[in-house]
Amino acid sequence: MQLLLPLVIVLSSVLAYLLSNILKKSISAPILALAETAKVISGQQDYSVRAVKMGKDELGSLTDAFNQMLGQIEQQTSG
């Protein structure tokens, strides 16, 4: 019985670590990629660059909106 509590704590910690890595990849990666795309566009003033959509969730919708905005800016600056 005395060994059960430390075992539960260790297993919970491992599970929390694994879950945090999964969430980091699914949430942080698309945001970081979008930020990097914005940085490249800002630095080079190249509005033909598009962000890669990584999912069909809210972050994917944000990427679509970002790309549409870039398309409008590209049209305005070239026309």
PDB file of N, CA and C in Angstrom:
ATOM      1  N   MET A   1       0.816  -1.205   0.000  1.00  0.00           N
ATOM      2  CA  MET A   1       0.000   0.000   0.000  1.00  0.00           C
ATOM      3  C   MET A   1       0.859   1.269   0.000  1.00  0.00           C
ATOM      4  N   GLN A   2       1.981   1.240   0.702  1.00  0.00           N
ATOM      5  CA  GLN A   2       2.852   2.400   0.756  1.00  0.00           C
ATOM      6  C   GLN A   2       3.541   2.655  -0.588  1.00  0.00           C
ATOM      7  N   LEU A   3       3.645   1.649  -1.398  1.00  0.00           N
ATOM      8  CA  LEU A   3       4.279   1.788  -2.708  1.00  0.00           C
ATOM      9  C   LEU A   3       3.294   2.298  -3.762  1.00  0.00           C
ATOM     10  N   LEU A   4       2.012   2.190  -3.500  1.00  0.00           N
ATOM     11  CA  LEU A   4       0.992   2.562  -4.482  1.00  0.00           C
ATOM     12  C   LEU A   4       0.962   4.068  -4.747  1.00  0.00           C
ATOM     13  N   LEU A   5       1.033   4.881  -3.727  1.00  0.00           N
ATOM     14  CA  LEU A   5       0.972   6.335  -3.902  1.00  0.00           C
ATOM     15  C   LEU A   5       2.138   6.868  -4.729  1.00  0.00           C
ATOM     16  N   PRO A   6       3.378   6.507  -4.434  1.00  0.00           N
ATOM     17  CA  PRO A   6       4.481   6.981  -5.296  1.00  0.00           C
ATOM     18  C   PRO A   6       4.345   6.488  -6.743  1.00  0.00           C
ATOM     19  N   LEU A   7       3.858   5.273  -6.921  1.00  0.00           N
ATOM     20  CA  LEU A   7       3.659   4.731  -8.261  1.00  0.00           C
ATOM     21  C   LEU A   7       2.606   5.529  -9.031  1.00  0.00           C
ATOM     22  N   VAL A   8       1.527   5.879  -8.372  1.00  0.00           N
ATOM     23  CA  VAL A   8       0.473   6.681  -8.993  1.00  0.00           C
ATOM     24  C   VAL A   8       1.005   8.073  -9.348  1.00  0.00           C
ATOM     25  N   ILE A   9       1.794   8.651  -8.478  1.00  0.00           N
ATOM     26  CA  ILE A   9       2.365   9.978  -8.732  1.00  0.00           C
ATOM     27  C   ILE A   9       3.309   9.936  -9.934  1.00  0.00           C
ATOM     28  N   VAL A  10       4.153   8.934 -10.006  1.00  0.00           N
ATOM     29  CA  VAL A  10       5.087   8.809 -11.129  1.00  0.00           C
ATOM     30  C   VAL A  10       4.325   8.580 -12.433  1.00  0.00           C
ATOM     31  N   LEU A  11       3.365   7.697 -12.422  1.00  0.00           N
ATOM     32  CA  LEU A  11       2.591   7.425 -13.628  1.00  0.00           C
ATOM     33  C   LEU A  11       1.792   8.661 -14.076  1.00  0.00           C
ATOM     34  N   SER A  12       1.248   9.382 -13.122  1.00  0.00           N
ATOM     35  CA  SER A  12       0.526  10.610 -13.446  1.00  0.00           C
ATOM     36  C   SER A  12       1.455  11.652 -14.051  1.00  0.00           C
ATOM     37  N   SER A  13       2.649  11.752 -13.521  1.00  0.00           N
ATOM     38  CA  SER A  13       3.630  12.706 -14.048  1.00  0.00           C
ATOM     39  C   SER A  13       4.036  12.354 -15.469  1.00  0.00           C
ATOM     40  N   VAL A  14       4.263  11.091 -15.727  1.00  0.00           N
ATOM     41  CA  VAL A  14       4.625  10.644 -17.078  1.00  0.00           C
ATOM     42  C   VAL A  14       3.484  10.909 -18.043  1.00  0.00           C
ATOM     43  N   LEU A  15       2.274  10.611 -17.639  1.00  0.00           N
ATOM     44  CA  LEU A  15       1.103  10.848 -18.483  1.00  0.00           C
ATOM     45  C   LEU A  15       0.924  12.346 -18.762  1.00  0.00           C
ATOM     46  N   ALA A  16       1.113  13.167 -17.758  1.00  0.00           N
ATOM     47  CA  ALA A  16       1.001  14.615 -17.943  1.00  0.00           C
ATOM     48  C   ALA A  16       2.071  15.121 -18.899  1.00  0.00           C
ATOM     49  N   TYR A  17       3.273  14.607 -18.799  1.00  0.00           N
ATOM     50  CA  TYR A  17       4.362  14.998 -19.696  1.00  0.00           C
ATOM     51  C   TYR A  17       4.038  14.607 -21.141  1.00  0.00           C
ATOM     52  N   LEU A  18       3.585  13.394 -21.347  1.00  0.00           N
ATOM     53  CA  LEU A  18       3.241  12.940 -22.698  1.00  0.00           C
ATOM     54  C   LEU A  18       2.091  13.751 -23.281  1.00  0.00           C
ATOM     55  N   LEU A  19       1.095  14.021 -22.483  1.00  0.00           N
ATOM     56  CA  LEU A  19      -0.046  14.808 -22.934  1.00  0.00           C
ATOM     57  C   LEU A  19       0.374  16.237 -23.282  1.00  0.00           C
ATOM     58  N   SER A  20       1.252  16.805 -22.503  1.00  0.00           N
ATOM     59  CA  SER A  20       1.712  18.167 -22.789  1.00  0.00           C
ATOM     60  C   SER A  20       2.500  18.228 -24.094  1.00  0.00           C
ATOM     61  N   ASN A  21       3.272  17.192 -24.400  1.00  0.00           N
ATOM     62  CA  ASN A  21       4.002  17.156 -25.670  1.00  0.00           C
ATOM     63  C   ASN A  21       3.058  17.042 -26.861  1.00  0.00           C
ATOM     64  N   ILE A  22       2.023  16.250 -26.723  1.00  0.00           N
ATOM     65  CA  ILE A  22       1.033  16.106 -27.795  1.00  0.00           C
ATOM     66  C   ILE A  22       0.320  17.432 -28.026  1.00  0.00           C
ATOM     67  N   LEU A  23      -0.108  18.078 -26.955  1.00  0.00           N
ATOM     68  CA  LEU A  23      -0.796  19.354 -27.083  1.00  0.00           C
ATOM     69  C   LEU A  23       0.132  20.436 -27.620  1.00  0.00           C
ATOM     70  N   LYS A  24       1.379  20.390 -27.233  1.00  0.00           N
ATOM     71  CA  LYS A  24       2.352  21.362 -27.726  1.00  0.00           C
ATOM     72  C   LYS A  24       2.473  21.267 -29.239  1.00  0.00           C
ATOM     73  N   LYS A  25       2.549  20.059 -29.737  1.00  0.00           N
ATOM     74  CA  LYS A  25       2.671  19.869 -31.184  1.00  0.00           C
ATOM     75  C   LYS A  25       1.411  20.295 -31.914  1.00  0.00           C
ATOM     76  N   SER A  26       0.250  20.008 -31.362  1.00  0.00           N
ATOM     77  CA  SER A  26      -0.991  20.301 -32.072  1.00  0.00           C
ATOM     78  C   SER A  26      -1.429  21.755 -31.950  1.00  0.00           C
ATOM     79  N   ILE A  27      -0.957  22.461 -30.942  1.00  0.00           N
ATOM     80  CA  ILE A  27      -1.361  23.856 -30.745  1.00  0.00           C
ATOM     81  C   ILE A  27      -0.230  24.816 -31.071  1.00  0.00           C
ATOM     82  N   SER A  28       0.913  24.605 -30.492  1.00  0.00           N
ATOM     83  CA  SER A  28       2.019  25.548 -30.665  1.00  0.00           C
ATOM     84  C   SER A  28       2.610  25.532 -32.068  1.00  0.00           C
ATOM     85  N   ALA A  29       2.745  24.364 -32.656  1.00  0.00           N
ATOM     86  CA  ALA A  29       3.388  24.271 -33.968  1.00  0.00           C
ATOM     87  C   ALA A  29       2.680  25.114 -35.027  1.00  0.00           C
ATOM     88  N   PRO A  30       1.346  25.033 -35.174  1.00  0.00           N
ATOM     89  CA  PRO A  30       0.696  25.872 -36.179  1.00  0.00           C
ATOM     90  C   PRO A  30       0.832  27.365 -35.896  1.00  0.00           C
ATOM     91  N   ILE A  31       0.790  27.745 -34.633  1.00  0.00           N
ATOM     92  CA  ILE A  31       0.927  29.162 -34.287  1.00  0.00           C
ATOM     93  C   ILE A  31       2.342  29.648 -34.593  1.00  0.00           C
ATOM     94  N   LEU A  32       3.329  28.852 -34.258  1.00  0.00           N
ATOM     95  CA  LEU A  32       4.717  29.222 -34.543  1.00  0.00           C
ATOM     96  C   LEU A  32       4.976  29.289 -36.045  1.00  0.00           C
ATOM     97  N   ALA A  33       4.375  28.372 -36.803  1.00  0.00           N
ATOM     98  CA  ALA A  33       4.538  28.387 -38.262  1.00  0.00           C
ATOM     99  C   ALA A  33       3.895  29.636 -38.861  1.00  0.00           C
ATOM    100  N   LEU A  34       2.728  30.009 -38.363  1.00  0.00           N
ATOM    101  CA  LEU A  34       2.054  31.212 -38.843  1.00  0.00           C
ATOM    102  C   LEU A  34       2.870  32.457 -38.503  1.00  0.00           C
ATOM    103  N   ALA A  35       3.427  32.496 -37.310  1.00  0.00           N
ATOM    104  CA  ALA A  35       4.261  33.627 -36.903  1.00  0.00           C
ATOM    105  C   ALA A  35       5.521  33.714 -37.764  1.00  0.00           C
ATOM    106  N   GLU A  36       6.113  32.576 -38.074  1.00  0.00           N
ATOM    107  CA  GLU A  36       7.309  32.567 -38.925  1.00  0.00           C
ATOM    108  C   GLU A  36       6.972  33.056 -40.331  1.00  0.00           C
ATOM    109  N   THR A  37       5.826  32.657 -40.860  1.00  0.00           N
ATOM    110  CA  THR A  37       5.397  33.128 -42.175  1.00  0.00           C
ATOM    111  C   THR A  37       5.210  34.638 -42.155  1.00  0.00           C
ATOM    112  N   ALA A  38       4.572  35.152 -41.107  1.00  0.00           N
ATOM    113  CA  ALA A  38       4.370  36.599 -40.988  1.00  0.00           C
ATOM    114  C   ALA A  38       5.708  37.326 -40.916  1.00  0.00           C
ATOM    115  N   LYS A  39       6.670  36.739 -40.227  1.00  0.00           N
ATOM    116  CA  LYS A  39       7.997  37.342 -40.099  1.00  0.00           C
ATOM    117  C   LYS A  39       8.699  37.409 -41.460  1.00  0.00           C
ATOM    118  N   VAL A  40       8.598  36.337 -42.244  1.00  0.00           N
ATOM    119  CA  VAL A  40       9.206  36.301 -43.577  1.00  0.00           C
ATOM    120  C   VAL A  40       8.552  37.343 -44.484  1.00  0.00           C
ATOM    121  N   ILE A  41       7.226  37.400 -44.450  1.00  0.00           N
ATOM    122  CA  ILE A  41       6.497  38.353 -45.288  1.00  0.00           C
ATOM    123  C   ILE A  41       6.863  39.778 -44.908  1.00  0.00           C
ATOM    124  N   SER A  42       6.912  40.050 -43.632  1.00  0.00           N
ATOM    125  CA  SER A  42       7.249  41.387 -43.158  1.00  0.00           C
ATOM    126  C   SER A  42       8.673  41.774 -43.539  1.00  0.00           C
ATOM    127  N   GLY A  43       9.587  40.847 -43.420  1.00  0.00           N
ATOM    128  CA  GLY A  43      10.984  41.136 -43.716  1.00  0.00           C
ATOM    129  C   GLY A  43      11.271  41.314 -45.193  1.00  0.00           C
ATOM    130  N   GLN A  44      10.587  40.529 -46.025  1.00  0.00           N
ATOM    131  CA  GLN A  44      10.862  40.549 -47.461  1.00  0.00           C
ATOM    132  C   GLN A  44       9.852  41.364 -48.264  1.00  0.00           C
ATOM    133  N   GLN A  45       8.774  41.776 -47.618  1.00  0.00           N
ATOM    134  CA  GLN A  45       7.680  42.480 -48.308  1.00  0.00           C
ATOM    135  C   GLN A  45       7.174  41.667 -49.493  1.00  0.00           C
ATOM    136  N   ASP A  46       7.157  40.345 -49.357  1.00  0.00           N
ATOM    137  CA  ASP A  46       6.711  39.441 -50.412  1.00  0.00           C
ATOM    138  C   ASP A  46       5.343  38.886 -50.035  1.00  0.00           C
ATOM    139  N   TYR A  47       4.292  39.469 -50.608  1.00  0.00           N
ATOM    140  CA  TYR A  47       2.931  39.090 -50.248  1.00  0.00           C
ATOM    141  C   TYR A  47       2.428  37.886 -51.031  1.00  0.00           C
ATOM    142  N   SER A  48       3.305  37.262 -51.816  1.00  0.00           N
ATOM    143  CA  SER A  48       2.917  36.041 -52.520  1.00  0.00           C
ATOM    144  C   SER A  48       3.135  34.804 -51.656  1.00  0.00           C
ATOM    145  N   VAL A  49       3.844  34.962 -50.547  1.00  0.00           N
ATOM    146  CA  VAL A  49       4.087  33.852 -49.627  1.00  0.00           C
ATOM    147  C   VAL A  49       2.777  33.497 -48.923  1.00  0.00           C
ATOM    148  N   ARG A  50       2.526  32.200 -48.735  1.00  0.00           N
ATOM    149  CA  ARG A  50       1.320  31.758 -48.038  1.00  0.00           C
ATOM    150  C   ARG A  50       1.693  30.846 -46.875  1.00  0.00           C
ATOM    151  N   ALA A  51       0.895  30.904 -45.851  1.00  0.00           N
ATOM    152  CA  ALA A  51       1.084  30.047 -44.687  1.00  0.00           C
ATOM    153  C   ALA A  51       0.515  28.664 -44.982  1.00  0.00           C
ATOM    154  N   VAL A  52       1.146  27.643 -44.444  1.00  0.00           N
ATOM    155  CA  VAL A  52       0.695  26.267 -44.628  1.00  0.00           C
ATOM    156  C   VAL A  52      -0.376  25.959 -43.586  1.00  0.00           C
ATOM    157  N   LYS A  53      -1.525  25.497 -44.057  1.00  0.00           N
ATOM    158  CA  LYS A  53      -2.622  25.129 -43.160  1.00  0.00           C
ATOM    159  C   LYS A  53      -2.329  23.749 -42.579  1.00  0.00           C
ATOM    160  N   MET A  54      -2.363  23.646 -41.255  1.00  0.00           N
ATOM    161  CA  MET A  54      -1.993  22.399 -40.585  1.00  0.00           C
ATOM    162  C   MET A  54      -3.171  21.652 -39.982  1.00  0.00           C
ATOM    163  N   GLY A  55      -4.376  22.161 -40.139  1.00  0.00           N
ATOM    164  CA  GLY A  55      -5.521  21.472 -39.566  1.00  0.00           C
ATOM    165  C   GLY A  55      -6.821  22.106 -40.003  1.00  0.00           C
ATOM    166  N   LYS A  56      -7.908  21.483 -39.603  1.00  0.00           N
ATOM    167  CA  LYS A  56      -9.237  21.978 -39.970  1.00  0.00           C
ATOM    168  C   LYS A  56      -9.954  22.586 -38.762  1.00  0.00           C
ATOM    169  N   ASP A  57      -9.185  22.999 -37.781  1.00  0.00           N
ATOM    170  CA  ASP A  57      -9.740  23.576 -36.559  1.00  0.00           C
ATOM    171  C   ASP A  57      -9.682  25.094 -36.623  1.00  0.00           C
ATOM    172  N   GLU A  58      -9.753  25.737 -35.479  1.00  0.00           N
ATOM    173  CA  GLU A  58      -9.712  27.198 -35.422  1.00  0.00           C
ATOM    174  C   GLU A  58      -8.394  27.750 -35.948  1.00  0.00           C
ATOM    175  N   LEU A  59      -7.309  27.046 -35.699  1.00  0.00           N
ATOM    176  CA  LEU A  59      -6.013  27.495 -36.205  1.00  0.00           C
ATOM    177  C   LEU A  59      -5.962  27.382 -37.729  1.00  0.00           C
ATOM    178  N   GLY A  60      -6.613  26.383 -38.274  1.00  0.00           N
ATOM    179  CA  GLY A  60      -6.720  26.270 -39.722  1.00  0.00           C
ATOM    180  C   GLY A  60      -7.535  27.406 -40.304  1.00  0.00           C
ATOM    181  N   SER A  61      -8.618  27.774 -39.624  1.00  0.00           N
ATOM    182  CA  SER A  61      -9.431  28.915 -40.054  1.00  0.00           C
ATOM    183  C   SER A  61      -8.641  30.214 -39.984  1.00  0.00           C
ATOM    184  N   LEU A  62      -7.838  30.365 -38.944  1.00  0.00           N
ATOM    185  CA  LEU A  62      -6.983  31.544 -38.815  1.00  0.00           C
ATOM    186  C   LEU A  62      -5.975  31.600 -39.964  1.00  0.00           C
ATOM    187  N   THR A  63      -5.408  30.460 -40.315  1.00  0.00           N
ATOM    188  CA  THR A  63      -4.455  30.398 -41.425  1.00  0.00           C
ATOM    189  C   THR A  63      -5.137  30.759 -42.738  1.00  0.00           C
ATOM    190  N   ASP A  64      -6.358  30.252 -42.950  1.00  0.00           N
ATOM    191  CA  ASP A  64      -7.112  30.598 -44.163  1.00  0.00           C
ATOM    192  C   ASP A  64      -7.363  32.106 -44.235  1.00  0.00           C
ATOM    193  N   ALA A  65      -7.774  32.687 -43.127  1.00  0.00           N
ATOM    194  CA  ALA A  65      -8.048  34.129 -43.093  1.00  0.00           C
ATOM    195  C   ALA A  65      -6.768  34.927 -43.341  1.00  0.00           C
ATOM    196  N   PHE A  66      -5.665  34.479 -42.777  1.00  0.00           N
ATOM    197  CA  PHE A  66      -4.372  35.131 -42.976  1.00  0.00           C
ATOM    198  C   PHE A  66      -3.990  35.097 -44.458  1.00  0.00           C
ATOM    199  N   ASN A  67      -4.159  33.923 -45.084  1.00  0.00           N
ATOM    200  CA  ASN A  67      -3.828  33.787 -46.493  1.00  0.00           C
ATOM    201  C   ASN A  67      -4.744  34.628 -47.377  1.00  0.00           C
ATOM    202  N   GLN A  68      -6.027  34.720 -47.033  1.00  0.00           N
ATOM    203  CA  GLN A  68      -6.951  35.576 -47.794  1.00  0.00           C
ATOM    204  C   GLN A  68      -6.536  37.041 -47.678  1.00  0.00           C
ATOM    205  N   MET A  69      -6.145  37.438 -46.489  1.00  0.00           N
ATOM    206  CA  MET A  69      -5.681  38.804 -46.279  1.00  0.00           C
ATOM    207  C   MET A  69      -4.439  39.077 -47.133  1.00  0.00           C
ATOM    208  N   LEU A  70      -3.528  38.135 -47.179  1.00  0.00           N
ATOM    209  CA  LEU A  70      -2.333  38.293 -47.997  1.00  0.00           C
ATOM    210  C   LEU A  70      -2.693  38.411 -49.479  1.00  0.00           C
ATOM    211  N   GLY A  71      -3.678  37.628 -49.913  1.00  0.00           N
ATOM    212  CA  GLY A  71      -4.117  37.704 -51.294  1.00  0.00           C
ATOM    213  C   GLY A  71      -4.666  39.083 -51.637  1.00  0.00           C
ATOM    214  N   GLN A  72      -5.435  39.652 -50.732  1.00  0.00           N
ATOM    215  CA  GLN A  72      -5.984  40.991 -50.956  1.00  0.00           C
ATOM    216  C   GLN A  72      -4.875  42.044 -50.980  1.00  0.00           C
ATOM    217  N   ILE A  73      -3.922  41.932 -50.071  1.00  0.00           N
ATOM    218  CA  ILE A  73      -2.807  42.877 -50.047  1.00  0.00           C
ATOM    219  C   ILE A  73      -1.990  42.747 -51.332  1.00  0.00           C
ATOM    220  N   GLU A  74      -1.773  41.520 -51.773  1.00  0.00           N
ATOM    221  CA  GLU A  74      -1.004  41.290 -52.998  1.00  0.00           C
ATOM    222  C   GLU A  74      -1.702  41.917 -54.215  1.00  0.00           C
ATOM    223  N   GLN A  75      -3.026  41.767 -54.274  1.00  0.00           N
ATOM    224  CA  GLN A  75      -3.789  42.363 -55.367  1.00  0.00           C
ATOM    225  C   GLN A  75      -3.704  43.899 -55.333  1.00  0.00           C
ATOM    226  N   GLN A  76      -3.807  44.465 -54.154  1.00  0.00           N
ATOM    227  CA  GLN A  76      -3.779  45.929 -54.022  1.00  0.00           C
ATOM    228  C   GLN A  76      -2.408  46.510 -54.369  1.00  0.00           C
ATOM    229  N   THR A  77      -1.353  45.788 -54.008  1.00  0.00           N
ATOM    230  CA  THR A  77      -0.010  46.322 -54.280  1.00  0.00           C
ATOM    231  C   THR A  77       0.426  46.096 -55.714  1.00  0.00           C
ATOM    232  N   SER A  78      -0.161  45.103 -56.383  1.00  0.00           N
ATOM    233  CA  SER A  78       0.257  44.839 -57.764  1.00  0.00           C
ATOM    234  C   SER A  78      -0.653  45.554 -58.766  1.00  0.00           C
ATOM    235  N   GLY A  79      -1.823  45.959 -58.344  1.00  0.00           N
ATOM    236  CA  GLY A  79      -2.783  46.540 -59.285  1.00  0.00           C
ATOM    237  C   GLY A  79      -2.876  47.981 -59.140  1.00  0.00           C
TER     238      GLY A  79
END
